[in-house]
Amino acid sequence: MPPLQDNTVVILSYIGKLDNGEIFQKIDVEAPIKATLGSSELPPMVEEAVRNMTPGESTSVRVPPEEGFGPRQKILLQEIENKEFIERVKPKPGMIITLNAQKDGAEEPVPVPATIMEINGDTVLVDYNHPLAGHHLTYDVTLIAVE
């Protein structure tokens, strides 16, 4: 069978996992998704694998950080004064919050998610990296049907 082409609609399920086995996303076979190939709806390496699959086939795709959410960047760690949080929320390590920050050359700050890493007295260390940045990702994909 030739590879599936752009604009082909596929129905699939998948489980996204980290190397430690932690599941970060699950699209169950009982509630699959529809995706149009070539429309950037799927991670590029997953889409490439799906193009060469037939309905009913399953495969595993390992995505390195560079092809996933990129490497972790130290520049995206920032210390913010604790008083910036006191009025809105009591920060705790692991908490994900939304902060206004400069992003991708935008003139005005935009809301972006950040993870509270640690509390150091009067300062809070926040991480603007995507939570999956720096991780190898494995997608266990099943192509259910092609429309």
N, C-alpha and C. Protein backbone atom coordinates (compact mmCIF):
# COMPACT_ATOMS: atom_id res chain seq x y z
N MET A 1 0.85 -1.18 0.00
CA MET A 1 0.00 0.00 0.00
C MET A 1 0.90 1.25 0.00
N PRO A 2 0.65 2.22 -0.89
CA PRO A 2 1.46 3.44 -0.91
C PRO A 2 1.21 4.27 0.35
N PRO A 3 2.15 5.14 0.71
CA PRO A 3 1.96 5.97 1.90
C PRO A 3 0.71 6.84 1.78
N LEU A 4 0.08 7.09 2.92
CA LEU A 4 -1.09 7.97 2.95
C LEU A 4 -0.65 9.40 2.64
N GLN A 5 -1.47 10.12 1.91
CA GLN A 5 -1.13 11.46 1.44
C GLN A 5 -1.72 12.55 2.33
N ASP A 6 -1.22 13.79 2.14
CA ASP A 6 -1.79 14.95 2.83
C ASP A 6 -3.30 15.01 2.58
N ASN A 7 -4.02 15.55 3.54
CA ASN A 7 -5.47 15.72 3.52
C ASN A 7 -6.23 14.42 3.72
N THR A 8 -5.53 13.31 3.95
CA THR A 8 -6.19 12.06 4.30
C THR A 8 -6.59 12.13 5.77
N VAL A 9 -7.84 11.78 6.06
CA VAL A 9 -8.32 11.78 7.44
C VAL A 9 -8.11 10.39 8.02
N VAL A 10 -7.44 10.34 9.16
CA VAL A 10 -7.18 9.07 9.84
C VAL A 10 -7.86 9.08 11.20
N ILE A 11 -8.24 7.90 11.64
CA ILE A 11 -8.80 7.73 12.98
C ILE A 11 -7.82 6.87 13.74
N LEU A 12 -7.37 7.38 14.90
CA LEU A 12 -6.34 6.64 15.63
C LEU A 12 -6.47 6.83 17.13
N SER A 13 -5.79 5.94 17.82
CA SER A 13 -5.64 6.06 19.27
C SER A 13 -4.15 5.99 19.56
N TYR A 14 -3.76 6.55 20.70
CA TYR A 14 -2.35 6.43 21.09
C TYR A 14 -2.17 6.70 22.57
N ILE A 15 -1.05 6.25 23.06
CA ILE A 15 -0.63 6.53 24.43
C ILE A 15 0.74 7.18 24.33
N GLY A 16 0.89 8.36 24.93
CA GLY A 16 2.17 9.05 24.99
C GLY A 16 2.80 8.82 26.35
N LYS A 17 4.06 8.34 26.36
CA LYS A 17 4.73 8.00 27.62
C LYS A 17 6.13 8.62 27.67
N LEU A 18 6.57 8.86 28.91
CA LEU A 18 7.96 9.24 29.16
C LEU A 18 8.77 7.97 29.34
N ASP A 19 10.10 8.10 29.37
CA ASP A 19 10.97 6.93 29.54
C ASP A 19 10.71 6.19 30.85
N ASN A 20 10.24 6.90 31.88
CA ASN A 20 9.97 6.25 33.17
C ASN A 20 8.61 5.56 33.19
N GLY A 21 7.90 5.57 32.05
CA GLY A 21 6.61 4.90 31.96
C GLY A 21 5.42 5.80 32.26
N GLU A 22 5.69 7.01 32.77
CA GLU A 22 4.60 7.94 33.08
C GLU A 22 3.85 8.30 31.80
N ILE A 23 2.53 8.19 31.85
CA ILE A 23 1.68 8.52 30.70
C ILE A 23 1.36 10.01 30.75
N PHE A 24 1.66 10.73 29.67
CA PHE A 24 1.35 12.16 29.63
C PHE A 24 0.14 12.45 28.75
N GLN A 25 -0.26 11.50 27.92
CA GLN A 25 -1.46 11.68 27.10
C GLN A 25 -1.98 10.32 26.67
N LYS A 26 -3.31 10.18 26.72
CA LYS A 26 -3.91 8.91 26.31
C LYS A 26 -5.16 9.20 25.49
N ILE A 27 -5.16 8.72 24.27
CA ILE A 27 -6.34 8.77 23.40
C ILE A 27 -6.78 7.32 23.25
N ASP A 28 -7.84 6.97 23.96
CA ASP A 28 -8.27 5.58 24.06
C ASP A 28 -8.94 5.10 22.77
N VAL A 29 -8.84 3.82 22.52
CA VAL A 29 -9.44 3.22 21.32
C VAL A 29 -10.97 3.37 21.34
N GLU A 30 -11.57 3.48 22.54
CA GLU A 30 -13.02 3.68 22.64
C GLU A 30 -13.42 5.11 22.31
N ALA A 31 -12.47 6.04 22.35
CA ALA A 31 -12.74 7.45 22.03
C ALA A 31 -11.58 7.98 21.18
N PRO A 32 -11.40 7.42 19.98
CA PRO A 32 -10.26 7.81 19.14
C PRO A 32 -10.40 9.24 18.62
N ILE A 33 -9.31 9.73 18.05
CA ILE A 33 -9.35 11.06 17.44
C ILE A 33 -9.30 10.92 15.93
N LYS A 34 -9.80 11.96 15.26
CA LYS A 34 -9.66 12.09 13.81
C LYS A 34 -8.60 13.15 13.58
N ALA A 35 -7.70 12.89 12.67
CA ALA A 35 -6.66 13.86 12.33
C ALA A 35 -6.49 13.88 10.82
N THR A 36 -6.22 15.05 10.29
CA THR A 36 -5.97 15.21 8.87
C THR A 36 -4.47 15.28 8.65
N LEU A 37 -3.94 14.36 7.87
CA LEU A 37 -2.50 14.34 7.61
C LEU A 37 -2.08 15.61 6.87
N GLY A 38 -0.94 16.14 7.26
CA GLY A 38 -0.42 17.36 6.64
C GLY A 38 -0.92 18.64 7.27
N SER A 39 -1.74 18.53 8.32
CA SER A 39 -2.32 19.73 8.94
C SER A 39 -1.68 20.05 10.30
N SER A 40 -0.58 19.40 10.63
CA SER A 40 0.15 19.63 11.89
C SER A 40 -0.67 19.29 13.13
N GLU A 41 -1.63 18.39 13.00
CA GLU A 41 -2.43 17.97 14.15
C GLU A 41 -1.71 16.93 14.99
N LEU A 42 -0.76 16.22 14.39
CA LEU A 42 -0.01 15.17 15.08
C LEU A 42 1.46 15.57 15.14
N PRO A 43 2.18 15.07 16.15
CA PRO A 43 3.63 15.31 16.14
C PRO A 43 4.21 14.78 14.82
N PRO A 44 5.16 15.51 14.21
CA PRO A 44 5.67 15.13 12.89
C PRO A 44 6.14 13.68 12.77
N MET A 45 6.86 13.16 13.76
CA MET A 45 7.35 11.78 13.66
C MET A 45 6.21 10.77 13.77
N VAL A 46 5.17 11.11 14.53
CA VAL A 46 3.99 10.24 14.63
C VAL A 46 3.26 10.24 13.29
N GLU A 47 3.08 11.43 12.72
CA GLU A 47 2.40 11.51 11.43
C GLU A 47 3.15 10.71 10.37
N GLU A 48 4.46 10.80 10.35
CA GLU A 48 5.25 10.07 9.36
C GLU A 48 5.04 8.56 9.50
N ALA A 49 4.99 8.08 10.74
CA ALA A 49 4.74 6.65 10.97
C ALA A 49 3.34 6.26 10.51
N VAL A 50 2.34 7.09 10.82
CA VAL A 50 0.95 6.79 10.45
C VAL A 50 0.80 6.71 8.94
N ARG A 51 1.52 7.55 8.20
CA ARG A 51 1.43 7.55 6.74
C ARG A 51 1.76 6.17 6.15
N ASN A 52 2.58 5.40 6.85
CA ASN A 52 3.02 4.09 6.34
C ASN A 52 2.32 2.92 7.02
N MET A 53 1.24 3.20 7.73
CA MET A 53 0.49 2.14 8.43
C MET A 53 -0.77 1.78 7.65
N THR A 54 -1.32 0.61 7.98
CA THR A 54 -2.61 0.19 7.44
C THR A 54 -3.58 0.07 8.61
N PRO A 55 -4.88 0.23 8.36
CA PRO A 55 -5.85 0.14 9.46
C PRO A 55 -5.68 -1.16 10.25
N GLY A 56 -5.73 -1.03 11.57
CA GLY A 56 -5.56 -2.16 12.47
C GLY A 56 -4.13 -2.35 12.92
N GLU A 57 -3.20 -1.68 12.28
CA GLU A 57 -1.78 -1.81 12.62
C GLU A 57 -1.42 -0.89 13.79
N SER A 58 -0.48 -1.36 14.60
CA SER A 58 0.04 -0.56 15.72
C SER A 58 1.55 -0.44 15.57
N THR A 59 2.09 0.65 16.09
CA THR A 59 3.54 0.86 16.09
C THR A 59 3.92 1.73 17.27
N SER A 60 5.20 1.74 17.56
CA SER A 60 5.73 2.58 18.62
C SER A 60 6.69 3.58 18.00
N VAL A 61 6.54 4.85 18.35
CA VAL A 61 7.38 5.92 17.80
C VAL A 61 8.09 6.62 18.95
N ARG A 62 9.42 6.64 18.90
CA ARG A 62 10.20 7.33 19.92
C ARG A 62 10.64 8.68 19.36
N VAL A 63 10.31 9.74 20.10
CA VAL A 63 10.58 11.10 19.67
C VAL A 63 11.64 11.72 20.58
N PRO A 64 12.80 12.11 20.03
CA PRO A 64 13.82 12.76 20.87
C PRO A 64 13.37 14.18 21.24
N PRO A 65 13.96 14.75 22.29
CA PRO A 65 13.55 16.10 22.72
C PRO A 65 13.58 17.13 21.59
N GLU A 66 14.57 17.04 20.73
CA GLU A 66 14.71 18.02 19.64
C GLU A 66 13.52 17.98 18.68
N GLU A 67 12.89 16.83 18.56
CA GLU A 67 11.74 16.68 17.66
C GLU A 67 10.41 16.81 18.41
N GLY A 68 10.48 16.84 19.73
CA GLY A 68 9.27 16.96 20.54
C GLY A 68 9.08 18.39 21.01
N PHE A 69 9.34 18.62 22.29
CA PHE A 69 9.14 19.94 22.89
C PHE A 69 10.45 20.67 23.13
N GLY A 70 11.51 20.19 22.50
CA GLY A 70 12.80 20.85 22.58
C GLY A 70 13.55 20.53 23.86
N PRO A 71 14.81 20.94 23.92
CA PRO A 71 15.59 20.72 25.13
C PRO A 71 15.16 21.71 26.21
N ARG A 72 15.45 21.38 27.46
CA ARG A 72 15.19 22.32 28.55
C ARG A 72 16.17 23.48 28.41
N GLN A 73 15.68 24.69 28.65
CA GLN A 73 16.52 25.87 28.52
C GLN A 73 16.62 26.59 29.86
N LYS A 74 17.85 26.76 30.35
CA LYS A 74 18.05 27.43 31.64
C LYS A 74 17.55 28.87 31.61
N ILE A 75 17.59 29.49 30.44
CA ILE A 75 17.14 30.87 30.32
C ILE A 75 15.65 31.02 30.66
N LEU A 76 14.91 29.91 30.61
CA LEU A 76 13.48 29.94 30.91
C LEU A 76 13.17 29.72 32.39
N LEU A 77 14.21 29.65 33.22
CA LEU A 77 14.04 29.63 34.68
C LEU A 77 14.17 31.07 35.16
N GLN A 78 13.26 31.48 36.03
CA GLN A 78 13.29 32.87 36.48
C GLN A 78 12.90 32.95 37.95
N GLU A 79 13.62 33.80 38.68
CA GLU A 79 13.26 34.06 40.07
C GLU A 79 12.36 35.28 40.12
N ILE A 80 11.24 35.13 40.81
CA ILE A 80 10.27 36.20 40.95
C ILE A 80 10.06 36.44 42.43
N GLU A 81 9.86 37.70 42.81
CA GLU A 81 9.63 37.99 44.22
C GLU A 81 8.32 37.35 44.67
N ASN A 82 8.37 36.76 45.86
CA ASN A 82 7.21 36.07 46.42
C ASN A 82 6.01 37.01 46.55
N LYS A 83 6.26 38.29 46.81
CA LYS A 83 5.15 39.23 46.99
C LYS A 83 4.30 39.36 45.72
N GLU A 84 4.87 39.00 44.56
CA GLU A 84 4.10 39.02 43.31
C GLU A 84 2.96 37.99 43.34
N PHE A 85 3.11 36.96 44.17
CA PHE A 85 2.12 35.88 44.23
C PHE A 85 1.14 36.03 45.38
N ILE A 86 1.59 36.63 46.47
CA ILE A 86 0.83 36.65 47.73
C ILE A 86 -0.62 37.08 47.52
N GLU A 87 -0.84 38.09 46.68
CA GLU A 87 -2.20 38.60 46.49
C GLU A 87 -3.10 37.61 45.75
N ARG A 88 -2.52 36.78 44.89
CA ARG A 88 -3.33 35.90 44.05
C ARG A 88 -3.36 34.46 44.50
N VAL A 89 -2.20 33.94 44.90
CA VAL A 89 -2.12 32.52 45.20
C VAL A 89 -0.92 32.27 46.10
N LYS A 90 -1.01 31.23 46.91
CA LYS A 90 0.14 30.82 47.73
C LYS A 90 0.90 29.78 46.92
N PRO A 91 2.09 30.14 46.40
CA PRO A 91 2.81 29.21 45.53
C PRO A 91 3.34 27.99 46.27
N LYS A 92 3.28 26.85 45.59
CA LYS A 92 3.80 25.59 46.11
C LYS A 92 4.57 24.90 44.99
N PRO A 93 5.69 24.23 45.30
CA PRO A 93 6.44 23.53 44.27
C PRO A 93 5.54 22.54 43.50
N GLY A 94 5.70 22.53 42.18
CA GLY A 94 4.90 21.65 41.32
C GLY A 94 3.64 22.31 40.78
N MET A 95 3.24 23.41 41.39
CA MET A 95 2.03 24.11 40.97
C MET A 95 2.26 24.73 39.59
N ILE A 96 1.27 24.61 38.71
CA ILE A 96 1.34 25.25 37.40
C ILE A 96 0.43 26.47 37.44
N ILE A 97 0.99 27.61 37.10
CA ILE A 97 0.25 28.87 37.13
C ILE A 97 0.40 29.56 35.78
N THR A 98 -0.40 30.59 35.57
CA THR A 98 -0.28 31.39 34.35
C THR A 98 0.26 32.76 34.73
N LEU A 99 1.33 33.16 34.06
CA LEU A 99 1.96 34.46 34.29
C LEU A 99 2.06 35.20 32.97
N ASN A 100 2.07 36.52 33.04
CA ASN A 100 2.29 37.31 31.83
C ASN A 100 3.79 37.44 31.61
N ALA A 101 4.23 37.13 30.39
CA ALA A 101 5.66 37.18 30.07
C ALA A 101 5.85 37.50 28.60
N GLN A 102 7.02 38.03 28.27
CA GLN A 102 7.38 38.26 26.86
C GLN A 102 7.57 36.89 26.22
N LYS A 103 7.04 36.71 25.03
CA LYS A 103 7.17 35.41 24.37
C LYS A 103 7.33 35.60 22.88
N ASP A 104 8.31 34.91 22.33
CA ASP A 104 8.52 34.84 20.89
C ASP A 104 8.52 36.22 20.22
N GLY A 105 9.15 37.20 20.85
CA GLY A 105 9.28 38.52 20.25
C GLY A 105 8.03 39.37 20.26
N ALA A 106 6.99 38.95 20.98
CA ALA A 106 5.76 39.75 21.05
C ALA A 106 6.05 41.07 21.75
N GLU A 107 5.39 42.14 21.31
CA GLU A 107 5.61 43.45 21.92
C GLU A 107 5.06 43.51 23.33
N GLU A 108 3.90 42.95 23.54
CA GLU A 108 3.25 42.96 24.84
C GLU A 108 3.38 41.61 25.51
N PRO A 109 3.45 41.59 26.86
CA PRO A 109 3.45 40.30 27.56
C PRO A 109 2.17 39.52 27.27
N VAL A 110 2.30 38.21 27.20
CA VAL A 110 1.15 37.33 26.97
C VAL A 110 1.07 36.30 28.09
N PRO A 111 -0.12 35.76 28.37
CA PRO A 111 -0.24 34.73 29.41
C PRO A 111 0.47 33.44 28.98
N VAL A 112 1.34 32.93 29.83
CA VAL A 112 2.03 31.67 29.56
C VAL A 112 2.05 30.81 30.82
N PRO A 113 1.97 29.49 30.65
CA PRO A 113 2.04 28.62 31.83
C PRO A 113 3.47 28.56 32.37
N ALA A 114 3.57 28.45 33.68
CA ALA A 114 4.87 28.31 34.34
C ALA A 114 4.70 27.36 35.51
N THR A 115 5.75 26.61 35.80
CA THR A 115 5.74 25.66 36.92
C THR A 115 6.55 26.23 38.07
N ILE A 116 5.97 26.22 39.26
CA ILE A 116 6.70 26.63 40.46
C ILE A 116 7.69 25.52 40.78
N MET A 117 8.97 25.85 40.79
CA MET A 117 10.01 24.86 41.07
C MET A 117 10.38 24.81 42.55
N GLU A 118 10.62 25.99 43.14
CA GLU A 118 10.97 26.03 44.56
C GLU A 118 10.70 27.41 45.12
N ILE A 119 10.53 27.45 46.44
CA ILE A 119 10.33 28.69 47.18
C ILE A 119 11.61 28.94 47.97
N ASN A 120 12.21 30.10 47.79
CA ASN A 120 13.45 30.44 48.49
C ASN A 120 13.24 31.72 49.29
N GLY A 121 12.56 31.61 50.42
CA GLY A 121 12.32 32.80 51.24
C GLY A 121 11.47 33.81 50.51
N ASP A 122 12.10 34.91 50.09
CA ASP A 122 11.37 36.00 49.44
C ASP A 122 11.23 35.83 47.93
N THR A 123 11.81 34.76 47.37
CA THR A 123 11.71 34.56 45.93
C THR A 123 11.13 33.19 45.59
N VAL A 124 10.58 33.13 44.40
CA VAL A 124 10.00 31.89 43.87
C VAL A 124 10.69 31.60 42.54
N LEU A 125 11.20 30.38 42.38
CA LEU A 125 11.82 29.97 41.12
C LEU A 125 10.73 29.37 40.24
N VAL A 126 10.50 29.99 39.08
CA VAL A 126 9.49 29.49 38.15
C VAL A 126 10.18 29.02 36.87
N ASP A 127 9.57 28.03 36.24
CA ASP A 127 10.12 27.41 35.03
C ASP A 127 9.11 27.59 33.91
N TYR A 128 9.52 28.32 32.86
CA TYR A 128 8.66 28.55 31.70
C TYR A 128 8.83 27.48 30.63
N ASN A 129 9.73 26.51 30.84
CA ASN A 129 9.88 25.41 29.88
C ASN A 129 8.58 24.62 29.81
N HIS A 130 8.27 24.07 28.65
CA HIS A 130 7.14 23.15 28.54
C HIS A 130 7.42 21.96 29.45
N PRO A 131 6.42 21.44 30.15
CA PRO A 131 6.67 20.31 31.07
C PRO A 131 7.31 19.09 30.39
N LEU A 132 7.13 18.92 29.09
CA LEU A 132 7.71 17.78 28.39
C LEU A 132 9.05 18.11 27.71
N ALA A 133 9.52 19.35 27.85
CA ALA A 133 10.80 19.74 27.26
C ALA A 133 11.92 18.91 27.89
N GLY A 134 12.86 18.49 27.06
CA GLY A 134 14.00 17.73 27.54
C GLY A 134 13.75 16.24 27.67
N HIS A 135 12.54 15.79 27.39
CA HIS A 135 12.20 14.37 27.54
C HIS A 135 12.11 13.68 26.19
N HIS A 136 12.57 12.42 26.17
CA HIS A 136 12.25 11.54 25.05
C HIS A 136 10.80 11.11 25.25
N LEU A 137 10.03 11.10 24.19
CA LEU A 137 8.62 10.74 24.25
C LEU A 137 8.40 9.49 23.40
N THR A 138 7.57 8.58 23.91
CA THR A 138 7.22 7.40 23.14
C THR A 138 5.71 7.39 22.93
N TYR A 139 5.30 7.26 21.68
CA TYR A 139 3.89 7.18 21.33
C TYR A 139 3.61 5.77 20.83
N ASP A 140 2.70 5.06 21.51
CA ASP A 140 2.22 3.77 21.04
C ASP A 140 0.93 4.05 20.27
N VAL A 141 1.00 3.94 18.94
CA VAL A 141 -0.06 4.40 18.05
C VAL A 141 -0.76 3.21 17.40
N THR A 142 -2.10 3.29 17.32
CA THR A 142 -2.88 2.32 16.56
C THR A 142 -3.72 3.07 15.54
N LEU A 143 -3.54 2.73 14.26
CA LEU A 143 -4.37 3.30 13.20
C LEU A 143 -5.64 2.47 13.13
N ILE A 144 -6.75 3.09 13.44
CA ILE A 144 -8.03 2.38 13.48
C ILE A 144 -8.68 2.35 12.10
N ALA A 145 -8.70 3.50 11.42
CA ALA A 145 -9.35 3.56 10.11
C ALA A 145 -8.81 4.74 9.31
N VAL A 146 -9.05 4.68 8.00
CA VAL A 146 -8.72 5.78 7.09
C VAL A 146 -10.02 6.16 6.39
N GLU A 147 -10.34 7.44 6.40
CA GLU A 147 -11.59 7.89 5.75
C GLU A 147 -11.31 8.37 4.34
